Amino acid sequence: MEEDKIRNLQVLLQRLDIVRDKITARNEGKEKFNIFTCLMDSSDEVNLHSRFISSLLDPQGNHGLGFAPIDILLKTLNSSFQYDQETIEVIPSFSNWSEYKEIDILLIDRRTKYAIIIENKINACDSNHGDEGQLERYYRRIIEEDKIPQENVEVYYLTIDGHEPSEESVSTSSRYKDLPDILRCITYGNEIMRWLQQCMQIACNKPFIRETIAQYINLIKEMINDTEIEDRLEILKIISKNDDTLASAKLLFDNYKHIQWQTIFDLFQEFYSELEKRGYKCLSKVENATIDNIVHGGPKLRKQNPQFSFKKSDGLQITIGCDYDDWFYFGLKSKENKLLDKKKINEFIKTNQDYEQYCYVDKEWIFNICFDVPDEISINIWNFEHNGTFRIIKPDTRKETINRYLDDMEDFLYNKMNIFQFAKTK
C-alpha cells in the first residue's frame, strides 16, 4: 500500500514537472530585458525600490503625474494623511536622494501636521539599538523633533511576504506603547502592486513612464514568484484529476510540516558539522523543542529565537541565530568576548554608515549583523514559501548555502573588521 502511495506521488510530481517546464518555456519566450535589474541588484531596497517608489510619489518629479500617485497611494492604504500641495514633502525626492533621519520613505507636511513613515524591508534585519528599536526611533523623532502629533503619524512596514517587524523594533524602550497597534504591515504583491497598476493607468498618455512602471511591476512579480491564473488552473486540474492524484497531493500537504521540521533540523546539524570542519568547537546547539515550536507551535510558541555558539582557538566566541520570522544573523556577545574592547568596536561601527545601519548593539551584544547574502539564498525558517528557504530542502543546496553564510561571516570578522585590532591590551 505504501509503495502505491509513493508511486502515485511520483506520477503526480512528474505531471507537475511538465507544467513547470511549460511555464519555464513560456517565460523564456517573454521579453526579459528589465532596466532595473540591468543597473542594480533586484533586492536593493534603498537604491532601487525605495528610490523608485519615492520618485513616483514625488509631485515635483519629472514623471508628469503630479499629485495623483500620492492620492492613489493614500486611497490604497485607506490613509488619514492630509496634505497641502504647497507644503507636502516626499523624502527621498527627485531633487535630493538622501534619506531623512534614516527613514526609507517619508511623507510629511509640517503645515497640516501629518506624516507617513514607510520602512522598506527586503532582506535586511531591523537595525535596532540597545535602548531603542528601529521603528521606535523613527516614530519618536518625527513626533518629538518634527513636532507632528502622535495621532497624525502613520507607520507602514513594507515587505515581500507581509511579515511583522521584530518585537524589539517596536517595543524595546516601550516609550510609545501604541506603536505596535498602529503599525500596518503592507506588501509588494498587494498594496504596492495595486498602487502601481493604477499609476500605470493614469500614465496611459505617457509611454515612457507607463513602460517604466510596467517593468517595475514585472520585477515585483519575479520577487514574489507570481504566477499567471492559467498556470494555477492547470495545476489545480492535475491535482483534482482523480482520487489517486488527490490522495498524492494530500500526502504532500499532510507531510509538509514534517518536511519543514526535518529541513530545519538538518540545517542546524550541518551548520555544526561545517563549523567543526573549519576548526570551530560548538559550545551550544538549538534544542529540538525549539524546532517543534517553530514548526508546530501556535502564534505565541512560534516566536522563538534560536541561537547556537562556537569558538576557535583564537578565543573568539561567535553566535549565529535568527529572531522570530526574520533572517539569520551572526555576532559577538559581550559576556563571552571580554578580550575585545566593546567601546572601541562601537566607535568603529558608528564611523561606518553601513555598519551603523545594520549592526545591532546593546548590553548583551557587542554587535550582531544579518548575513550579507543574495535573496536566492536568504533563509527565514518560519517561511518556506520564500524560495531561498524552500531550496534548502535539497541537501546539496543546503550545504552550499551554509558555506556561503560561513564565508560571509569569516570575511566580515577577520577581513573587513579585522576584529582582533580591538583586542584589549594587557
Protein backbone atom coordinates (compact mmCIF):
# COMPACT_ATOMS: atom_id res chain seq x y z
CA MET A 1 0.00 0.00 0.00
CA GLU A 2 2.79 2.42 0.91
CA GLU A 3 4.54 1.58 -2.36
CA ASP A 4 1.38 2.53 -4.26
CA LYS A 5 1.27 5.89 -2.46
CA ILE A 6 4.87 6.62 -3.31
CA ARG A 7 4.38 5.57 -6.93
CA ASN A 8 1.25 7.75 -7.28
CA LEU A 9 3.08 10.66 -5.72
CA GLN A 10 5.92 10.27 -8.22
CA VAL A 11 3.41 10.30 -11.08
CA LEU A 12 1.82 13.49 -9.70
CA LEU A 13 5.19 15.19 -9.38
CA GLN A 14 6.12 14.16 -12.91
CA ARG A 15 2.92 15.74 -14.23
CA LEU A 16 3.57 18.90 -12.23
CA ASP A 17 7.11 18.91 -13.57
CA ILE A 18 5.70 19.00 -17.10
CA VAL A 19 3.61 22.05 -16.14
CA ARG A 20 6.69 23.69 -14.66
CA ASP A 21 8.60 23.07 -17.89
CA LYS A 22 5.75 24.63 -19.88
CA ILE A 23 5.74 27.68 -17.60
CA THR A 24 9.52 27.97 -17.94
CA ALA A 25 9.33 27.69 -21.73
CA ARG A 26 6.58 30.30 -21.89
CA ASN A 27 8.57 32.64 -19.68
CA GLU A 28 11.61 32.18 -21.88
CA GLY A 29 9.53 33.48 -24.77
CA LYS A 30 8.69 36.66 -22.90
CA GLU A 31 10.76 39.82 -23.02
CA LYS A 32 13.38 39.54 -20.31
CA PHE A 33 15.07 42.91 -20.56
CA ASN A 34 14.49 44.95 -17.43
CA ILE A 35 16.21 48.29 -16.94
CA PHE A 36 16.11 47.94 -13.15
CA THR A 37 17.97 44.62 -12.95
CA CYS A 38 20.42 45.82 -15.61
CA LEU A 39 21.51 48.69 -13.40
CA MET A 40 21.40 47.23 -9.89
CA ASP A 41 20.64 44.28 -7.64
CA SER A 42 16.93 43.41 -7.75
CA SER A 43 16.87 43.18 -3.92
CA ASP A 44 18.47 46.60 -3.33
CA GLU A 45 15.82 48.08 -1.09
CA VAL A 46 17.47 51.51 -0.75
CA ASN A 47 18.86 52.42 -4.16
CA LEU A 48 16.25 50.61 -6.25
CA HIS A 49 12.94 50.04 -4.50
CA SER A 50 12.71 52.93 -2.03
CA ARG A 51 14.14 55.31 -4.58
CA PHE A 52 11.73 54.32 -7.35
CA ILE A 53 8.67 54.39 -5.07
CA SER A 54 9.58 57.79 -3.60
CA SER A 55 10.41 59.25 -7.03
CA LEU A 56 6.97 58.22 -8.31
CA LEU A 57 5.34 59.73 -5.22
CA ASP A 58 7.27 63.00 -5.51
CA PRO A 59 4.89 65.52 -7.13
CA GLN A 60 7.90 67.62 -8.17
CA GLY A 61 9.43 64.69 -10.06
CA ASN A 62 9.70 64.65 -13.82
CA HIS A 63 7.11 61.88 -14.27
CA GLY A 64 4.44 64.49 -15.02
CA LEU A 65 1.75 62.75 -12.95
CA GLY A 66 1.62 65.48 -10.33
CA PHE A 67 -0.08 64.58 -7.06
CA ALA A 68 -2.01 61.61 -8.50
CA PRO A 69 0.44 58.90 -7.28
CA ILE A 70 0.20 60.27 -3.72
CA ASP A 71 -3.59 60.36 -3.84
CA ILE A 72 -3.77 56.82 -5.22
CA LEU A 73 -1.44 55.51 -2.51
CA LEU A 74 -3.41 57.22 0.25
CA LYS A 75 -6.61 55.66 -1.09
CA THR A 76 -4.95 52.25 -1.44
CA LEU A 77 -3.75 52.39 2.17
CA ASN A 78 -7.03 53.90 3.41
CA SER A 79 -4.82 56.56 5.00
CA SER A 80 -5.94 59.56 7.06
CA PHE A 81 -2.93 61.57 5.92
CA GLN A 82 -3.84 65.17 4.99
CA TYR A 83 -1.59 67.44 2.99
CA ASP A 84 -1.28 70.86 1.38
CA GLN A 85 0.08 70.81 -2.17
CA GLU A 86 2.34 73.74 -1.28
CA THR A 87 3.98 72.18 1.77
CA ILE A 88 3.99 68.39 1.41
CA GLU A 89 7.46 66.79 1.24
CA VAL A 90 8.36 63.37 -0.12
CA ILE A 91 11.77 62.17 1.07
CA PRO A 92 13.89 60.94 -0.70
CA SER A 93 12.86 63.15 -3.60
CA PHE A 94 13.73 63.66 -7.23
CA SER A 95 15.99 66.59 -6.28
CA ASN A 96 17.57 65.02 -3.17
CA TRP A 97 18.09 61.26 -2.82
CA SER A 98 19.21 61.45 0.81
CA GLU A 99 17.05 59.81 3.47
CA TYR A 100 15.65 61.92 6.31
CA LYS A 101 16.69 60.62 9.71
CA GLU A 102 17.43 57.21 8.12
CA ILE A 103 13.74 56.71 7.22
CA ASP A 104 13.38 54.80 3.93
CA ILE A 105 10.37 56.77 2.64
CA LEU A 106 8.76 59.70 4.42
CA LEU A 107 5.72 61.79 3.51
CA ILE A 108 5.47 64.80 5.79
CA ASP A 109 3.53 68.05 5.83
CA ARG A 110 4.59 70.43 8.59
CA ARG A 111 1.69 72.78 7.90
CA THR A 112 -1.09 70.19 8.27
CA LYS A 113 0.98 68.28 10.86
CA TYR A 114 0.74 64.82 9.29
CA ALA A 115 3.39 62.22 8.46
CA ILE A 116 3.69 58.74 6.91
CA ILE A 117 6.72 56.58 7.67
CA ILE A 118 7.39 53.64 5.33
CA GLU A 119 10.07 51.18 6.40
CA ASN A 120 11.12 49.04 3.43
CA LYS A 121 12.46 45.56 4.23
CA ILE A 122 13.52 43.02 1.60
CA ASN A 123 16.50 41.12 3.01
CA ALA A 124 17.79 43.31 5.82
CA CYS A 125 17.06 42.77 9.50
CA ASP A 126 15.67 45.52 11.70
CA SER A 127 18.56 47.77 12.83
CA ASN A 128 17.67 48.09 16.49
CA HIS A 129 19.82 49.64 19.20
CA GLY A 130 20.15 48.54 22.77
CA ASP A 131 17.81 51.14 24.24
CA GLU A 132 15.50 51.78 21.27
CA GLY A 133 14.07 49.79 18.36
CA GLN A 134 14.40 50.93 14.75
CA LEU A 135 10.74 51.83 14.22
CA GLU A 136 10.53 53.31 17.72
CA ARG A 137 13.41 55.60 16.79
CA TYR A 138 11.76 56.84 13.60
CA TYR A 139 8.40 57.30 15.34
CA ARG A 140 9.95 59.23 18.24
CA ARG A 141 12.00 61.54 16.04
CA ILE A 142 9.05 62.54 13.84
CA ILE A 143 6.88 63.19 16.93
CA GLU A 144 9.45 64.89 19.15
CA GLU A 145 11.83 66.57 16.68
CA ASP A 146 9.42 67.42 13.85
CA LYS A 147 6.52 68.17 16.20
CA ILE A 148 3.99 66.00 14.35
CA PRO A 149 1.15 64.98 16.72
CA GLN A 150 1.37 61.32 17.65
CA GLU A 151 -2.14 60.61 16.39
CA ASN A 152 -1.20 62.00 12.95
CA VAL A 153 1.80 59.72 12.35
CA GLU A 154 1.21 56.54 10.35
CA VAL A 155 3.82 53.78 10.20
CA TYR A 156 3.95 51.13 7.45
CA TYR A 157 6.25 48.10 7.31
CA LEU A 158 6.72 47.11 3.65
CA THR A 159 7.94 43.59 2.87
CA ILE A 160 7.68 40.91 0.21
CA ASP A 161 5.81 38.40 2.38
CA GLY A 162 3.93 40.55 4.90
CA HIS A 163 5.94 39.52 7.95
CA GLU A 164 5.88 41.71 11.04
CA PRO A 165 8.83 43.71 12.36
CA SER A 166 10.77 42.26 15.25
CA GLU A 167 9.30 42.86 18.70
CA GLU A 168 12.43 44.84 19.59
CA SER A 169 11.86 47.21 16.67
CA VAL A 170 8.55 48.45 18.06
CA SER A 171 8.83 47.96 21.83
CA THR A 172 12.42 47.98 23.11
CA SER A 173 12.01 51.23 25.05
CA SER A 174 8.20 50.91 25.45
CA ARG A 175 8.08 54.70 25.26
CA TYR A 176 5.28 54.68 22.71
CA LYS A 177 3.04 51.80 23.70
CA ASP A 178 0.61 52.47 20.84
CA LEU A 179 3.21 51.81 18.12
CA PRO A 180 2.69 48.01 17.82
CA ASP A 181 -1.04 48.63 17.42
CA ILE A 182 -0.95 51.46 14.90
CA LEU A 183 1.77 49.91 12.71
CA ARG A 184 0.49 48.29 9.49
CA CYS A 185 2.25 45.58 7.52
CA ILE A 186 1.94 46.01 3.73
CA THR A 187 3.41 44.01 0.86
CA TYR A 188 4.78 44.50 -2.62
CA GLY A 189 2.34 41.95 -4.02
CA ASN A 190 -0.75 43.60 -2.58
CA GLU A 191 -0.74 47.32 -1.75
CA ILE A 192 2.27 48.35 -3.84
CA MET A 193 1.14 46.28 -6.84
CA ARG A 194 -2.38 47.79 -6.75
CA TRP A 195 -0.91 51.30 -6.44
CA LEU A 196 1.44 50.76 -9.38
CA GLN A 197 -1.27 49.31 -11.61
CA GLN A 198 -3.44 52.37 -11.04
CA CYS A 199 -0.47 54.69 -11.62
CA MET A 200 0.17 52.90 -14.92
CA GLN A 201 -3.44 53.51 -15.95
CA ILE A 202 -3.22 57.27 -15.42
CA ALA A 203 0.08 57.29 -17.34
CA CYS A 204 -1.63 55.93 -20.46
CA ASN A 205 -0.60 59.02 -22.47
CA LYS A 206 2.96 58.98 -21.13
CA PRO A 207 4.55 55.91 -22.76
CA PHE A 208 7.99 56.22 -21.12
CA ILE A 209 6.51 56.45 -17.61
CA ARG A 210 3.92 53.75 -18.35
CA GLU A 211 6.52 51.27 -19.61
CA THR A 212 8.89 52.05 -16.73
CA ILE A 213 6.14 51.27 -14.23
CA ALA A 214 5.33 48.10 -16.20
CA GLN A 215 8.95 46.96 -15.94
CA TYR A 216 8.94 47.61 -12.20
CA ILE A 217 5.72 45.60 -11.86
CA ASN A 218 7.40 42.71 -13.70
CA LEU A 219 10.32 42.93 -11.29
CA ILE A 220 7.94 42.68 -8.34
CA LYS A 221 6.23 39.66 -9.90
CA GLU A 222 9.60 37.94 -10.09
CA MET A 223 10.35 38.87 -6.48
CA ILE A 224 7.09 37.41 -5.17
CA ASN A 225 7.09 34.40 -7.52
CA ASP A 226 3.77 35.45 -9.02
CA THR A 227 2.16 33.02 -11.46
CA GLU A 228 -0.43 33.52 -14.14
CA ILE A 229 -4.01 32.41 -13.44
CA GLU A 230 -3.89 29.81 -16.24
CA ASP A 231 -0.87 28.19 -14.58
CA ARG A 232 -2.74 27.87 -11.28
CA LEU A 233 -5.77 26.39 -13.02
CA GLU A 234 -3.61 23.82 -14.80
CA ILE A 235 -2.02 22.77 -11.51
CA LEU A 236 -5.45 22.52 -9.90
CA LYS A 237 -6.68 20.40 -12.83
CA ILE A 238 -3.79 17.94 -12.41
CA ILE A 239 -4.28 17.62 -8.64
CA SER A 240 -8.04 17.07 -8.96
CA LYS A 241 -7.85 14.68 -11.92
CA ASN A 242 -8.78 11.56 -9.94
CA ASP A 243 -8.71 10.01 -6.47
CA ASP A 244 -5.07 8.96 -6.83
CA THR A 245 -3.83 12.46 -7.66
CA LEU A 246 -5.94 13.94 -4.86
CA ALA A 247 -4.52 11.38 -2.41
CA SER A 248 -0.97 12.14 -3.57
CA ALA A 249 -1.48 15.88 -3.13
CA LYS A 250 -2.90 15.25 0.33
CA LEU A 251 0.13 13.11 1.17
CA LEU A 252 2.33 16.11 0.38
CA PHE A 253 0.15 18.50 2.38
CA ASP A 254 -0.04 16.14 5.36
CA ASN A 255 3.74 15.80 5.49
CA TYR A 256 4.63 19.39 4.73
CA LYS A 257 5.13 20.30 8.39
CA HIS A 258 7.31 17.23 8.92
CA ILE A 259 9.40 18.19 5.88
CA GLN A 260 9.83 21.67 7.38
CA TRP A 261 10.89 20.24 10.75
CA GLN A 262 13.42 17.83 9.22
CA THR A 263 14.85 20.53 6.94
CA ILE A 264 15.36 22.97 9.84
CA PHE A 265 16.89 20.20 11.97
CA ASP A 266 19.25 19.23 9.13
CA LEU A 267 20.15 22.89 8.56
CA PHE A 268 21.37 23.34 12.12
CA GLN A 269 23.13 19.95 12.19
CA GLU A 270 25.02 20.78 9.02
CA PHE A 271 25.94 24.21 10.38
CA TYR A 272 27.61 22.43 13.33
CA SER A 273 29.32 19.95 11.01
CA GLU A 274 30.70 22.62 8.65
CA LEU A 275 31.90 24.72 11.59
CA GLU A 276 33.81 21.76 13.03
CA LYS A 277 35.43 21.17 9.62
CA ARG A 278 36.65 24.79 9.78
CA GLY A 279 38.23 24.26 13.18
CA TYR A 280 35.48 25.62 15.44
CA LYS A 281 34.17 23.94 18.56
CA CYS A 282 30.40 24.11 19.08
CA LEU A 283 29.50 25.31 22.57
CA SER A 284 25.70 25.35 22.37
CA LYS A 285 23.11 23.98 19.98
CA VAL A 286 19.46 24.56 19.13
CA GLU A 287 17.17 22.20 21.02
CA ASN A 288 14.68 20.01 19.17
CA ALA A 289 11.90 21.50 21.31
CA THR A 290 12.66 24.89 19.78
CA ILE A 291 12.22 23.47 16.28
CA ASP A 292 8.97 21.83 17.45
CA ASN A 293 7.63 25.22 18.49
CA ILE A 294 8.77 26.96 15.29
CA VAL A 295 7.02 24.40 13.08
CA HIS A 296 4.07 23.15 15.14
CA GLY A 297 3.55 25.88 17.74
CA GLY A 298 0.70 28.38 17.91
CA PRO A 299 1.12 32.16 17.47
CA LYS A 300 2.99 32.57 20.76
CA LEU A 301 5.07 29.39 20.76
CA ARG A 302 6.29 30.04 17.21
CA LYS A 303 8.03 33.19 18.43
CA GLN A 304 11.37 31.51 19.11
CA ASN A 305 14.85 32.99 18.83
CA PRO A 306 17.11 30.01 18.07
CA GLN A 307 20.84 30.54 18.59
CA PHE A 308 23.99 28.45 18.72
CA SER A 309 27.52 29.44 19.73
CA PHE A 310 31.00 28.24 18.82
CA LYS A 311 34.62 29.30 19.18
CA LYS A 312 38.03 28.79 17.65
CA SER A 313 41.48 28.53 19.17
CA ASP A 314 41.89 32.31 18.82
CA GLY A 315 39.37 32.72 21.67
CA LEU A 316 36.66 34.47 19.68
CA GLN A 317 33.19 33.16 20.59
CA ILE A 318 30.64 33.68 17.82
CA THR A 319 26.86 33.26 17.89
CA ILE A 320 24.58 32.55 14.93
CA GLY A 321 20.83 32.86 15.26
CA CYS A 322 17.62 34.35 13.96
CA ASP A 323 14.84 36.36 15.55
CA TYR A 324 11.22 35.36 15.06
CA ASP A 325 10.19 35.43 11.39
CA ASP A 326 13.45 37.05 10.34
CA TRP A 327 16.74 36.32 8.57
CA PHE A 328 19.86 34.74 10.05
CA TYR A 329 22.47 36.90 11.78
CA PHE A 330 25.85 36.37 13.41
CA GLY A 331 27.54 38.34 16.13
CA LEU A 332 29.62 38.59 19.27
CA LYS A 333 28.15 38.65 22.77
CA SER A 334 29.71 40.92 25.38
CA LYS A 335 29.99 38.42 28.24
CA GLU A 336 31.67 35.73 26.13
CA ASN A 337 34.16 38.07 24.42
CA LYS A 338 35.73 40.08 27.22
CA LEU A 339 39.05 40.01 25.35
CA LEU A 340 37.59 42.64 22.99
CA ASP A 341 37.22 46.35 23.67
CA LYS A 342 33.49 46.89 23.16
CA LYS A 343 33.78 50.68 23.35
CA LYS A 344 36.30 50.81 20.50
CA ILE A 345 34.20 48.45 18.39
CA ASN A 346 31.12 50.64 18.94
CA GLU A 347 33.10 53.71 17.92
CA PHE A 348 34.28 51.90 14.79
CA ILE A 349 30.70 50.91 13.92
CA LYS A 350 29.45 54.48 14.37
CA THR A 351 32.07 55.82 11.95
CA ASN A 352 30.93 53.42 9.22
CA GLN A 353 27.43 54.19 7.91
CA ASP A 354 26.84 50.68 6.56
CA TYR A 355 27.81 49.05 9.84
CA GLU A 356 25.84 51.52 11.97
CA GLN A 357 22.72 50.98 9.87
CA TYR A 358 22.78 47.18 10.03
CA CYS A 359 24.61 46.31 13.27
CA TYR A 360 22.53 45.72 16.39
CA VAL A 361 24.23 46.78 19.62
CA ASP A 362 23.02 46.51 23.22
CA LYS A 363 24.16 45.41 26.67
CA GLU A 364 24.13 41.73 25.71
CA TRP A 365 25.74 42.15 22.29
CA ILE A 366 28.98 43.79 21.21
CA PHE A 367 27.14 43.64 17.89
CA ASN A 368 25.23 41.34 15.60
CA ILE A 369 24.51 41.74 11.90
CA CYS A 370 22.49 39.88 9.27
CA PHE A 371 24.38 37.75 6.78
CA ASP A 372 25.07 39.68 3.59
CA VAL A 373 23.85 37.12 1.06
CA PRO A 374 21.73 37.29 -2.13
CA ASP A 375 17.98 36.88 -1.90
CA GLU A 376 18.08 33.45 -3.55
CA ILE A 377 19.96 32.00 -0.55
CA SER A 378 18.45 34.10 2.23
CA ILE A 379 16.71 31.89 4.81
CA ASN A 380 13.70 32.51 7.04
CA ILE A 381 12.93 29.20 8.73
CA TRP A 382 9.37 30.33 9.54
CA ASN A 383 8.61 30.94 5.86
CA PHE A 384 9.08 28.05 3.43
CA GLU A 385 7.18 29.99 0.77
CA HIS A 386 10.34 32.06 0.38
CA ASN A 387 12.39 30.46 -2.39
CA GLY A 388 15.70 30.71 -0.52
CA THR A 389 14.23 28.78 2.41
CA PHE A 390 12.43 26.20 0.28
CA ARG A 391 15.57 25.39 -1.69
CA ILE A 392 17.45 24.20 1.41
CA ILE A 393 15.22 21.10 1.41
CA LYS A 394 17.74 19.85 -1.19
CA PRO A 395 20.89 18.64 0.65
CA ASP A 396 23.44 19.93 -1.89
CA THR A 397 21.84 23.38 -1.93
CA ARG A 398 21.69 23.42 1.87
CA LYS A 399 25.38 22.61 2.17
CA GLU A 400 26.35 25.21 -0.43
CA THR A 401 24.21 27.84 1.32
CA ILE A 402 25.73 27.13 4.72
CA ASN A 403 29.23 27.52 3.32
CA ARG A 404 28.26 30.83 1.69
CA TYR A 405 27.00 32.04 5.08
CA LEU A 406 30.15 30.98 6.91
CA ASP A 407 32.37 32.54 4.23
CA ASP A 408 30.50 35.83 4.68
CA MET A 409 30.84 35.64 8.47
CA GLU A 410 34.57 34.97 8.41
CA ASP A 411 35.21 37.63 5.77
CA PHE A 412 33.37 40.23 7.84
CA LEU A 413 35.01 39.38 11.17
CA TYR A 414 38.55 38.68 10.09
CA ASN A 415 38.98 40.81 6.95
CA LYS A 416 36.53 43.71 6.88
CA MET A 417 36.54 44.37 10.63
CA ASN A 418 39.90 42.79 11.41
CA ILE A 419 38.30 42.03 14.75
CA PHE A 420 41.50 41.46 16.74
CA GLN A 421 42.59 45.04 16.20
CA PHE A 422 40.08 45.68 19.01
CA ALA A 423 41.66 43.20 21.42
CA LYS A 424 42.25 44.71 24.85
CA THR A 425 45.88 45.42 25.65
CA LYS A 426 47.17 43.93 28.86
